[in-house]
């Protein structure tokens, strides 16, 4: 039974590793698919929806061809590899019909009826309408075919037994298109459709339970993303993301550009903005903001006071202030006031004060994500400091930021910094 639970665990956890940035070359590759001539409006719509679904993140490997698959998705139990969804007739979806493509999106089964691992977010994509599925299919059929065989998954026994997916599906999969809430506005329902469906936001922002699934009662309550070593904050609680206290404009700005008066995205969410959300219309990002605002709490933020906050005169705080003044103050201000929207404030920033310090530590260590690209992608990034700061210095500056200017986060240790220093980026 434990082995079955372990398998069920990796099925959803592996989906958390689906967001990867491929730098400017992938955007160029996408752009090269376009032609100067007028295009079929269904194909244009499908391209837009494929952007909304962030299909490129999984189905284009680093240095690989657009949508040719082959991206490795490592798990503790082996590695999954994404599939070729170009219209190549032998190795891609060239022989698939629109009906078969919709069946895969809607039911989580391949055209031969085979079970698909839920690293493919079919539990969200099942909400997509037939019309939108057909448009995405039409777009994918229009891109350049790439002859590239799908690489078999490398999962050890018993995790390679697909029939065990039936147990996961029984517990966590509810098939069906999105049904509008008639008590809500059309704008709210459009936002819900995008957030819950194509956007599959819940795969990161909903905590994963011991069986590798999630409960609707816990939707968007946040949690650690095990395969990525980042923390996805709660979208419902003002103790974390605090969207209930944000304006619609602030949320919409953050989604569309990655920066707003209230903060900036980083890590995996920066990738989502870069690959997907920045291409959505103002109307759609606003609709998503309306929906997210609607599910958030309206109460004022209530960040727990640490039981033993470090004193301002302690060695930890003194070292942290020295590092901050040297490395951080030029952008974020001497008192953490920032220079919005380009440099987010740190004073009063709820993402800095959350119970989990994972994101703050990783931003100091890794900076703009991922490193090694030609400049920082949109949205704005920051340089990595892993190569110039010791574990003690990282712990000190993160503690200083989390506890200064009336911030009420807890102190961190050098051991916590060291643990994340060696963590994989995705």
Protein backbone atom coordinates (compact mmCIF):
# COMPACT_ATOMS: atom_id res chain seq x y z
CA UNK A 1 0.00 0.00 0.00
CA UNK A 2 2.87 2.37 0.79
CA UNK A 3 4.32 1.77 -2.66
CA UNK A 4 0.98 2.58 -4.24
CA UNK A 5 0.80 5.78 -2.19
CA UNK A 6 4.31 6.67 -3.25
CA UNK A 7 3.39 6.24 -6.88
CA UNK A 8 0.26 8.32 -6.49
CA UNK A 9 2.43 10.93 -4.83
CA UNK A 10 4.75 11.39 -7.77
CA UNK A 11 1.95 11.62 -10.29
CA UNK A 12 0.85 15.07 -9.15
CA UNK A 13 4.18 16.20 -7.72
CA UNK A 14 5.85 15.77 -11.07
CA UNK A 15 3.39 18.27 -12.50
CA UNK A 16 4.84 20.94 -10.25
CA UNK A 17 8.03 20.80 -12.28
CA UNK A 18 6.22 21.76 -15.46
CA UNK A 19 7.23 25.44 -15.55
CA UNK A 20 10.60 26.12 -17.19
CA UNK A 21 11.90 29.21 -18.95
CA UNK A 22 13.78 28.72 -22.20
CA UNK A 23 15.05 32.30 -22.58
CA UNK A 24 14.58 34.43 -25.64
CA UNK A 25 15.34 31.71 -28.20
CA UNK A 26 12.04 29.95 -27.46
CA UNK A 27 10.07 33.16 -27.91
CA UNK A 28 11.90 33.65 -31.21
CA UNK A 29 11.05 30.09 -32.23
CA UNK A 30 7.40 30.72 -31.51
CA UNK A 31 7.50 33.96 -33.47
CA UNK A 32 9.06 32.19 -36.45
CA UNK A 33 5.93 30.06 -36.78
CA UNK A 34 3.99 33.15 -37.79
CA UNK A 35 3.53 34.36 -41.36
CA UNK A 36 2.98 37.79 -42.81
CA UNK A 37 -0.21 36.65 -44.52
CA UNK A 38 -3.57 36.71 -42.80
CA UNK A 39 -4.10 33.59 -40.74
CA UNK A 40 -7.12 31.45 -39.99
CA UNK A 41 -8.88 33.11 -37.03
CA UNK A 42 -9.35 29.70 -35.38
CA UNK A 43 -5.59 29.12 -35.54
CA UNK A 44 -4.96 32.59 -34.12
CA UNK A 45 -7.38 31.85 -31.29
CA UNK A 46 -5.69 28.51 -30.69
CA UNK A 47 -2.28 30.12 -30.46
CA UNK A 48 -3.61 32.53 -27.85
CA UNK A 49 -5.15 29.69 -25.85
CA UNK A 50 -1.96 27.64 -26.08
CA UNK A 51 -0.19 30.62 -24.56
CA UNK A 52 -2.81 30.78 -21.82
CA UNK A 53 -2.22 27.09 -21.12
CA UNK A 54 1.57 27.58 -21.10
CA UNK A 55 2.02 24.55 -23.38
CA UNK A 56 5.55 25.61 -24.28
CA UNK A 57 6.73 25.15 -20.69
CA UNK A 58 6.42 21.37 -20.76
CA UNK A 59 6.47 20.46 -24.41
CA UNK A 60 9.63 22.29 -25.45
CA UNK A 61 12.87 20.98 -23.99
CA UNK A 62 15.78 23.34 -23.26
CA UNK A 63 17.65 23.73 -26.56
CA UNK A 64 14.90 21.68 -28.18
CA UNK A 65 12.49 22.30 -31.05
CA UNK A 66 9.19 24.02 -30.40
CA UNK A 67 6.58 21.58 -29.03
CA UNK A 68 8.74 18.55 -29.90
CA UNK A 69 8.68 17.35 -26.30
CA UNK A 70 11.46 15.43 -24.63
CA UNK A 71 11.72 17.67 -21.61
CA UNK A 72 12.90 15.68 -18.60
CA UNK A 73 10.73 15.96 -15.50
CA UNK A 74 12.74 14.32 -12.70
CA UNK A 75 10.98 12.84 -9.68
CA UNK A 76 12.28 10.90 -6.68
CA UNK A 77 11.00 7.75 -8.39
CA UNK A 78 12.41 8.27 -11.84
CA UNK A 79 12.02 10.66 -14.75
CA UNK A 80 9.03 11.49 -16.91
CA UNK A 81 9.55 12.88 -20.44
CA UNK A 82 7.06 15.14 -22.19
CA UNK A 83 5.54 14.23 -25.52
CA UNK A 84 5.90 15.56 -29.04
CA UNK A 85 2.78 17.59 -29.90
CA UNK A 86 3.90 18.86 -33.30
CA UNK A 87 1.87 17.64 -36.32
CA UNK A 88 4.48 15.08 -37.38
CA UNK A 89 2.40 12.06 -38.48
CA UNK A 90 4.76 9.44 -37.07
CA UNK A 91 6.07 10.87 -33.81
CA UNK A 92 3.67 13.72 -33.04
CA UNK A 93 -0.07 14.30 -33.23
CA UNK A 94 -0.26 14.44 -37.03
CA UNK A 95 -2.69 11.52 -37.19
CA UNK A 96 -4.82 12.67 -34.28
CA UNK A 97 -8.32 13.97 -34.93
CA UNK A 98 -9.84 16.94 -33.14
CA UNK A 99 -12.11 14.47 -31.35
CA UNK A 100 -9.12 12.47 -30.09
CA UNK A 101 -7.31 15.62 -28.98
CA UNK A 102 -10.36 16.79 -27.04
CA UNK A 103 -10.65 13.34 -25.49
CA UNK A 104 -7.09 13.59 -24.21
CA UNK A 105 -7.65 17.08 -22.78
CA UNK A 106 -11.03 16.18 -21.31
CA UNK A 107 -10.46 12.64 -20.00
CA UNK A 108 -6.72 12.28 -19.48
CA UNK A 109 -6.47 9.37 -21.90
CA UNK A 110 -4.44 9.09 -25.07
CA UNK A 111 -6.02 8.37 -28.45
CA UNK A 112 -5.55 4.64 -27.83
CA UNK A 113 -7.30 4.89 -24.47
CA UNK A 114 -4.08 4.69 -22.48
CA UNK A 115 -3.90 6.48 -19.12
CA UNK A 116 -1.88 9.71 -19.02
CA UNK A 117 0.21 10.59 -15.99
CA UNK A 118 -1.30 13.64 -14.27
CA UNK A 119 1.94 15.56 -14.69
CA UNK A 120 -0.13 16.57 -17.71
CA UNK A 121 -2.71 18.77 -15.95
CA UNK A 122 -5.78 17.11 -17.43
CA UNK A 123 -7.55 17.54 -14.08
CA UNK A 124 -7.58 21.25 -14.97
CA UNK A 125 -7.79 20.94 -18.76
CA UNK A 126 -10.96 18.88 -18.48
CA UNK A 127 -12.68 22.23 -17.81
CA UNK A 128 -11.71 23.53 -21.28
CA UNK A 129 -14.61 23.77 -23.74
CA UNK A 130 -14.73 21.71 -26.92
CA UNK A 131 -14.55 24.90 -28.98
CA UNK A 132 -11.36 26.03 -27.26
CA UNK A 133 -9.85 22.55 -27.46
CA UNK A 134 -10.52 22.47 -31.19
CA UNK A 135 -8.83 25.86 -31.59
CA UNK A 136 -5.71 24.68 -29.74
CA UNK A 137 -5.70 21.56 -31.91
CA UNK A 138 -5.95 23.68 -35.06
CA UNK A 139 -3.02 25.80 -33.91
CA UNK A 140 -0.82 22.82 -33.06
CA UNK A 141 -1.61 21.32 -36.47
CA UNK A 142 -0.33 24.53 -38.05
CA UNK A 143 3.13 24.60 -36.46
CA UNK A 144 6.22 23.07 -38.02
CA UNK A 145 6.22 19.26 -37.69
CA UNK A 146 9.25 17.81 -35.96
CA UNK A 147 10.15 14.15 -36.37
CA UNK A 148 11.29 13.23 -32.87
CA UNK A 149 10.35 10.03 -31.11
CA UNK A 150 8.85 10.31 -27.67
CA UNK A 151 11.29 9.17 -25.04
CA UNK A 152 9.95 6.45 -22.72
CA UNK A 153 9.47 7.39 -19.10
CA UNK A 154 12.21 6.09 -16.83
CA UNK A 155 10.24 5.02 -13.76
CA UNK A 156 11.21 2.03 -11.65
CA UNK A 157 8.79 -0.74 -10.63
CA UNK A 158 6.02 -0.44 -9.52
CA UNK A 159 5.82 3.21 -10.48
CA UNK A 160 5.90 2.33 -14.17
CA UNK A 161 2.58 0.47 -13.85
CA UNK A 162 0.12 2.88 -15.44
CA UNK A 163 -2.88 0.95 -14.18
CA UNK A 164 -2.20 2.36 -10.72
CA UNK A 165 -3.17 5.77 -12.09
CA UNK A 166 -6.76 4.53 -11.85
CA UNK A 167 -6.56 4.88 -8.08
CA UNK A 168 -5.36 8.47 -8.35
CA UNK A 169 -8.12 9.28 -10.84
CA UNK A 170 -10.78 7.77 -8.60
CA UNK A 171 -9.72 9.98 -5.72
CA UNK A 172 -8.75 13.23 -7.39
CA UNK A 173 -10.13 13.54 -10.93
CA UNK A 174 -13.57 14.95 -11.74
CA UNK A 175 -14.24 15.04 -15.47
CA UNK A 176 -16.27 17.89 -16.90
CA UNK A 177 -16.17 21.25 -18.65
CA UNK A 178 -16.32 24.42 -16.60
CA UNK A 179 -19.85 25.32 -15.59
CA UNK A 180 -20.47 29.06 -15.09
CA UNK A 181 -21.69 30.31 -11.74
CA UNK A 182 -24.84 32.18 -12.72
CA UNK A 183 -24.72 34.21 -9.50
CA UNK A 184 -21.43 35.79 -10.66
CA UNK A 185 -20.59 38.22 -13.43
CA UNK A 186 -19.41 37.18 -16.88
CA UNK A 187 -16.03 38.71 -16.07
CA UNK A 188 -15.71 36.64 -12.86
CA UNK A 189 -16.64 33.46 -14.74
CA UNK A 190 -14.11 34.18 -17.48
CA UNK A 191 -11.44 34.60 -14.81
CA UNK A 192 -12.48 31.37 -13.09
CA UNK A 193 -12.36 29.52 -16.42
CA UNK A 194 -8.81 30.72 -17.09
CA UNK A 195 -7.48 30.23 -13.54
CA UNK A 196 -9.07 26.83 -12.92
CA UNK A 197 -8.79 25.52 -16.48
CA UNK A 198 -6.08 26.45 -18.96
CA UNK A 199 -4.02 28.32 -16.37
CA UNK A 200 -4.00 25.24 -14.05
CA UNK A 201 -2.94 27.58 -11.24
CA UNK A 202 -4.06 25.10 -8.60
CA UNK A 203 -1.29 22.66 -9.49
CA UNK A 204 1.15 24.86 -7.61
CA UNK A 205 -1.06 26.96 -5.35
CA UNK A 206 -3.06 24.06 -3.86
CA UNK A 207 -1.28 21.88 -1.26
CA UNK A 208 -0.56 18.30 -2.28
CA UNK A 209 -1.67 15.65 0.19
CA UNK A 210 -0.04 12.34 1.14
CA UNK A 211 -1.59 10.59 -1.86
CA UNK A 212 -0.26 13.10 -4.35
CA UNK A 213 -3.60 14.75 -4.99
CA UNK A 214 -5.41 17.76 -3.63
CA UNK A 215 -8.74 18.56 -2.12
CA UNK A 216 -11.17 21.14 -3.43
CA UNK A 217 -11.57 22.37 0.13
CA UNK A 218 -7.87 23.30 0.10
CA UNK A 219 -7.95 25.00 -3.32
CA UNK A 220 -5.42 27.81 -3.69
CA UNK A 221 -4.26 27.59 -0.05
CA UNK A 222 -0.62 27.35 -1.13
CA UNK A 223 2.27 25.13 -0.09
CA UNK A 224 5.77 23.97 -0.92
CA UNK A 225 6.39 22.82 -4.49
CA UNK A 226 8.54 19.76 -3.74
CA UNK A 227 10.03 19.21 -7.17
CA UNK A 228 11.00 22.86 -7.57
CA UNK A 229 12.11 23.90 -4.08
CA UNK A 230 9.92 27.01 -4.12
CA UNK A 231 6.90 27.96 -2.06
CA UNK A 232 3.62 28.81 -3.80
CA UNK A 233 1.82 31.21 -1.44
CA UNK A 234 -1.82 30.92 -0.56
CA UNK A 235 -4.06 32.98 -2.83
CA UNK A 236 -6.89 32.94 -0.30
CA UNK A 237 -5.17 33.97 2.93
CA UNK A 238 -3.98 37.49 3.71
CA UNK A 239 -1.30 35.93 5.88
CA UNK A 240 0.49 35.07 2.64
CA UNK A 241 -0.33 36.51 -0.78
CA UNK A 242 -2.92 38.81 0.74
CA UNK A 243 -4.87 39.40 -2.47
CA UNK A 244 -7.94 40.36 -0.49
CA UNK A 245 -6.18 43.59 0.38
CA UNK A 246 -5.00 44.25 -3.20
CA UNK A 247 -6.80 46.27 -5.86
CA UNK A 248 -7.92 44.63 -9.10
CA UNK A 249 -5.37 46.79 -10.92
CA UNK A 250 -2.51 45.64 -8.68
CA UNK A 251 -3.35 41.97 -9.26
CA UNK A 252 -3.82 42.48 -12.99
CA UNK A 253 -0.51 44.34 -13.30
CA UNK A 254 1.31 41.56 -11.47
CA UNK A 255 -0.16 38.90 -13.74
CA UNK A 256 0.41 40.76 -16.99
CA UNK A 257 3.84 42.32 -16.38
CA UNK A 258 5.23 40.55 -13.34
CA UNK A 259 5.47 43.79 -11.37
CA UNK A 260 2.99 46.01 -9.57
CA UNK A 261 2.90 48.55 -6.79
CA UNK A 262 2.51 45.66 -4.34
CA UNK A 263 5.46 43.50 -5.39
CA UNK A 264 7.07 41.44 -8.14
CA UNK A 265 6.95 37.80 -9.21
CA UNK A 266 9.98 35.54 -9.09
CA UNK A 267 11.02 31.94 -9.52
CA UNK A 268 8.46 29.71 -11.25
CA UNK A 269 5.83 32.46 -11.29
CA UNK A 270 8.21 34.70 -13.25
CA UNK A 271 8.38 31.91 -15.82
CA UNK A 272 4.60 31.77 -16.04
CA UNK A 273 4.47 35.51 -16.66
CA UNK A 274 7.27 35.30 -19.22
CA UNK A 275 5.94 32.30 -21.15
CA UNK A 276 2.22 32.80 -20.76
CA UNK A 277 0.52 35.64 -18.91
CA UNK A 278 2.28 38.55 -20.59
CA UNK A 279 0.63 37.50 -23.86
CA UNK A 280 -2.93 37.60 -22.54
CA UNK A 281 -5.25 40.49 -23.22
CA UNK A 282 -5.87 43.20 -20.64
CA UNK A 283 -9.46 41.95 -20.44
CA UNK A 284 -8.41 38.40 -19.59
CA UNK A 285 -5.80 39.32 -17.00
CA UNK A 286 -8.35 41.64 -15.40
CA UNK A 287 -10.91 38.82 -15.39
CA UNK A 288 -8.39 36.57 -13.65
CA UNK A 289 -7.74 39.35 -11.13
CA UNK A 290 -11.47 39.73 -10.46
CA UNK A 291 -11.78 36.00 -9.81
CA UNK A 292 -8.66 35.83 -7.60
CA UNK A 293 -9.80 38.88 -5.66
CA UNK A 294 -13.15 37.18 -5.18
CA UNK A 295 -11.72 34.04 -3.58
CA UNK A 296 -9.34 35.94 -1.28
CA UNK A 297 -10.11 36.98 2.26
CA UNK A 298 -11.03 40.60 2.88
CA UNK A 299 -9.61 40.72 6.39
CA UNK A 300 -6.42 42.66 7.08
CA UNK A 301 -3.16 40.72 6.92
CA UNK A 302 -2.29 38.86 10.10
CA UNK A 303 1.29 37.65 9.96
CA UNK A 304 2.30 35.72 13.06
CA UNK A 305 4.84 37.37 15.35
CA UNK A 306 7.96 35.21 15.72
CA UNK A 307 8.34 33.82 19.23
CA UNK A 308 11.94 34.99 19.63
CA UNK A 309 12.69 37.84 17.20
CA UNK A 310 16.39 38.76 16.99
CA UNK A 311 17.32 41.97 18.72
CA UNK A 312 18.43 44.85 16.53
CA UNK A 313 21.83 44.86 18.21
CA UNK A 314 22.51 41.15 17.72
CA UNK A 315 25.44 39.96 15.61
CA UNK A 316 22.98 38.38 13.14
CA UNK A 317 21.12 41.65 12.58
CA UNK A 318 24.32 43.68 12.43
CA UNK A 319 25.75 41.40 9.76
CA UNK A 320 22.43 41.40 7.92
CA UNK A 321 22.26 45.19 7.86
CA UNK A 322 25.84 45.41 6.58
CA UNK A 323 25.10 42.98 3.73
CA UNK A 324 21.81 44.72 2.94
CA UNK A 325 23.39 48.17 2.82
CA UNK A 326 26.11 46.92 0.49
CA UNK A 327 24.12 44.62 -1.80
CA UNK A 328 20.43 45.53 -1.63
CA UNK A 329 19.79 49.13 -0.59
CA UNK A 330 20.65 50.66 -3.96
CA UNK A 331 17.52 49.06 -5.46
CA UNK A 332 15.24 48.35 -2.50
CA UNK A 333 15.97 51.49 -0.47
CA UNK A 334 17.73 52.02 2.82
CA UNK A 335 14.50 51.33 4.69
CA UNK A 336 13.08 48.73 2.34
CA UNK A 337 10.82 51.24 0.59
CA UNK A 338 11.79 50.06 -2.90
CA UNK A 339 11.12 51.98 -6.08
CA UNK A 340 7.84 50.54 -7.43
CA UNK A 341 7.09 49.18 -9.89
CA UNK A 342 10.64 48.30 -10.97
CA UNK A 343 12.05 47.45 -7.54
CA UNK A 344 9.46 46.10 -5.11
CA UNK A 345 9.32 47.31 -1.52
CA UNK A 346 10.49 44.91 1.16
CA UNK A 347 8.99 46.79 4.09
CA UNK A 348 5.49 45.46 4.67
CA UNK A 349 5.90 42.95 1.84
CA UNK A 350 3.87 39.92 2.86
CA UNK A 351 5.79 37.54 0.61
CA UNK A 352 8.88 38.33 2.71
CA UNK A 353 7.09 37.61 5.98
CA UNK A 354 5.42 34.28 5.22
CA UNK A 355 6.02 31.34 7.51
CA UNK A 356 8.15 29.73 4.82
CA UNK A 357 11.35 31.65 4.04
CA UNK A 358 12.18 29.45 1.03
CA UNK A 359 11.42 32.08 -1.62
CA UNK A 360 13.33 34.87 0.10
CA UNK A 361 16.38 32.64 0.53
CA UNK A 362 16.27 31.48 -3.08
CA UNK A 363 15.94 35.01 -4.43
CA UNK A 364 19.09 36.03 -2.57
CA UNK A 365 20.95 32.91 -3.70
CA UNK A 366 19.67 32.58 -7.28
CA UNK A 367 18.50 36.07 -8.20
CA UNK A 368 16.79 36.41 -11.57
CA UNK A 369 15.61 32.93 -12.52
CA UNK A 370 17.13 31.03 -14.19
CA UNK A 371 20.74 32.27 -14.22
CA UNK A 372 22.84 31.97 -17.33
CA UNK A 373 20.32 33.47 -19.76
CA UNK A 374 21.15 36.43 -21.96
CA UNK A 375 20.10 39.13 -19.54
CA UNK A 376 17.21 38.87 -17.13
CA UNK A 377 13.92 38.10 -18.85
CA UNK A 378 10.83 40.18 -18.43
CA UNK A 379 9.76 40.70 -15.66
CA UNK A 380 12.63 42.36 -13.88
CA UNK A 381 15.18 40.15 -12.19
CA UNK A 382 18.05 40.59 -9.78
CA UNK A 383 21.59 39.22 -9.74
CA UNK A 384 22.37 35.99 -7.86
CA UNK A 385 24.48 36.29 -4.73
CA UNK A 386 25.26 32.61 -4.13
CA UNK A 387 28.78 33.13 -5.41
CA UNK A 388 29.61 36.12 -3.21
CA UNK A 389 27.73 35.53 0.06
CA UNK A 390 28.43 32.82 2.63
CA UNK A 391 25.63 30.82 4.23
CA UNK A 392 25.94 32.99 7.34
CA UNK A 393 25.63 36.16 5.26
CA UNK A 394 22.60 34.83 3.37
CA UNK A 395 20.92 33.88 6.64
CA UNK A 396 21.76 37.26 8.14
CA UNK A 397 20.46 39.39 5.27
CA UNK A 398 17.27 37.34 4.86
CA UNK A 399 16.66 37.56 8.61
CA UNK A 400 17.31 41.31 8.50
CA UNK A 401 14.79 41.79 5.68
CA UNK A 402 12.17 39.57 7.34
CA UNK A 403 12.38 41.31 10.72
CA UNK A 404 13.17 44.98 9.96
CA UNK A 405 10.85 47.94 9.25
CA UNK A 406 8.05 46.37 11.31
CA UNK A 407 8.19 43.17 9.25
CA UNK A 408 7.19 40.19 11.36
CA UNK A 409 8.85 37.22 9.72
CA UNK A 410 11.06 34.80 11.64
CA UNK A 411 14.84 34.50 11.63
CA UNK A 412 16.51 31.80 9.53
CA UNK A 413 19.66 29.79 10.04
CA UNK A 414 22.79 29.27 7.96
CA UNK A 415 21.78 25.61 7.65
CA UNK A 416 18.54 26.60 5.89
CA UNK A 417 20.50 28.73 3.44
CA UNK A 418 22.96 25.92 2.82
CA UNK A 419 20.21 23.41 2.15
CA UNK A 420 18.75 25.59 -0.61
CA UNK A 421 22.14 26.55 -2.01
CA UNK A 422 22.51 23.06 -3.46
CA UNK A 423 18.85 22.61 -4.42
CA UNK A 424 18.11 22.20 -8.14
CA UNK A 425 16.56 25.22 -9.84
CA UNK A 426 13.62 23.26 -11.25
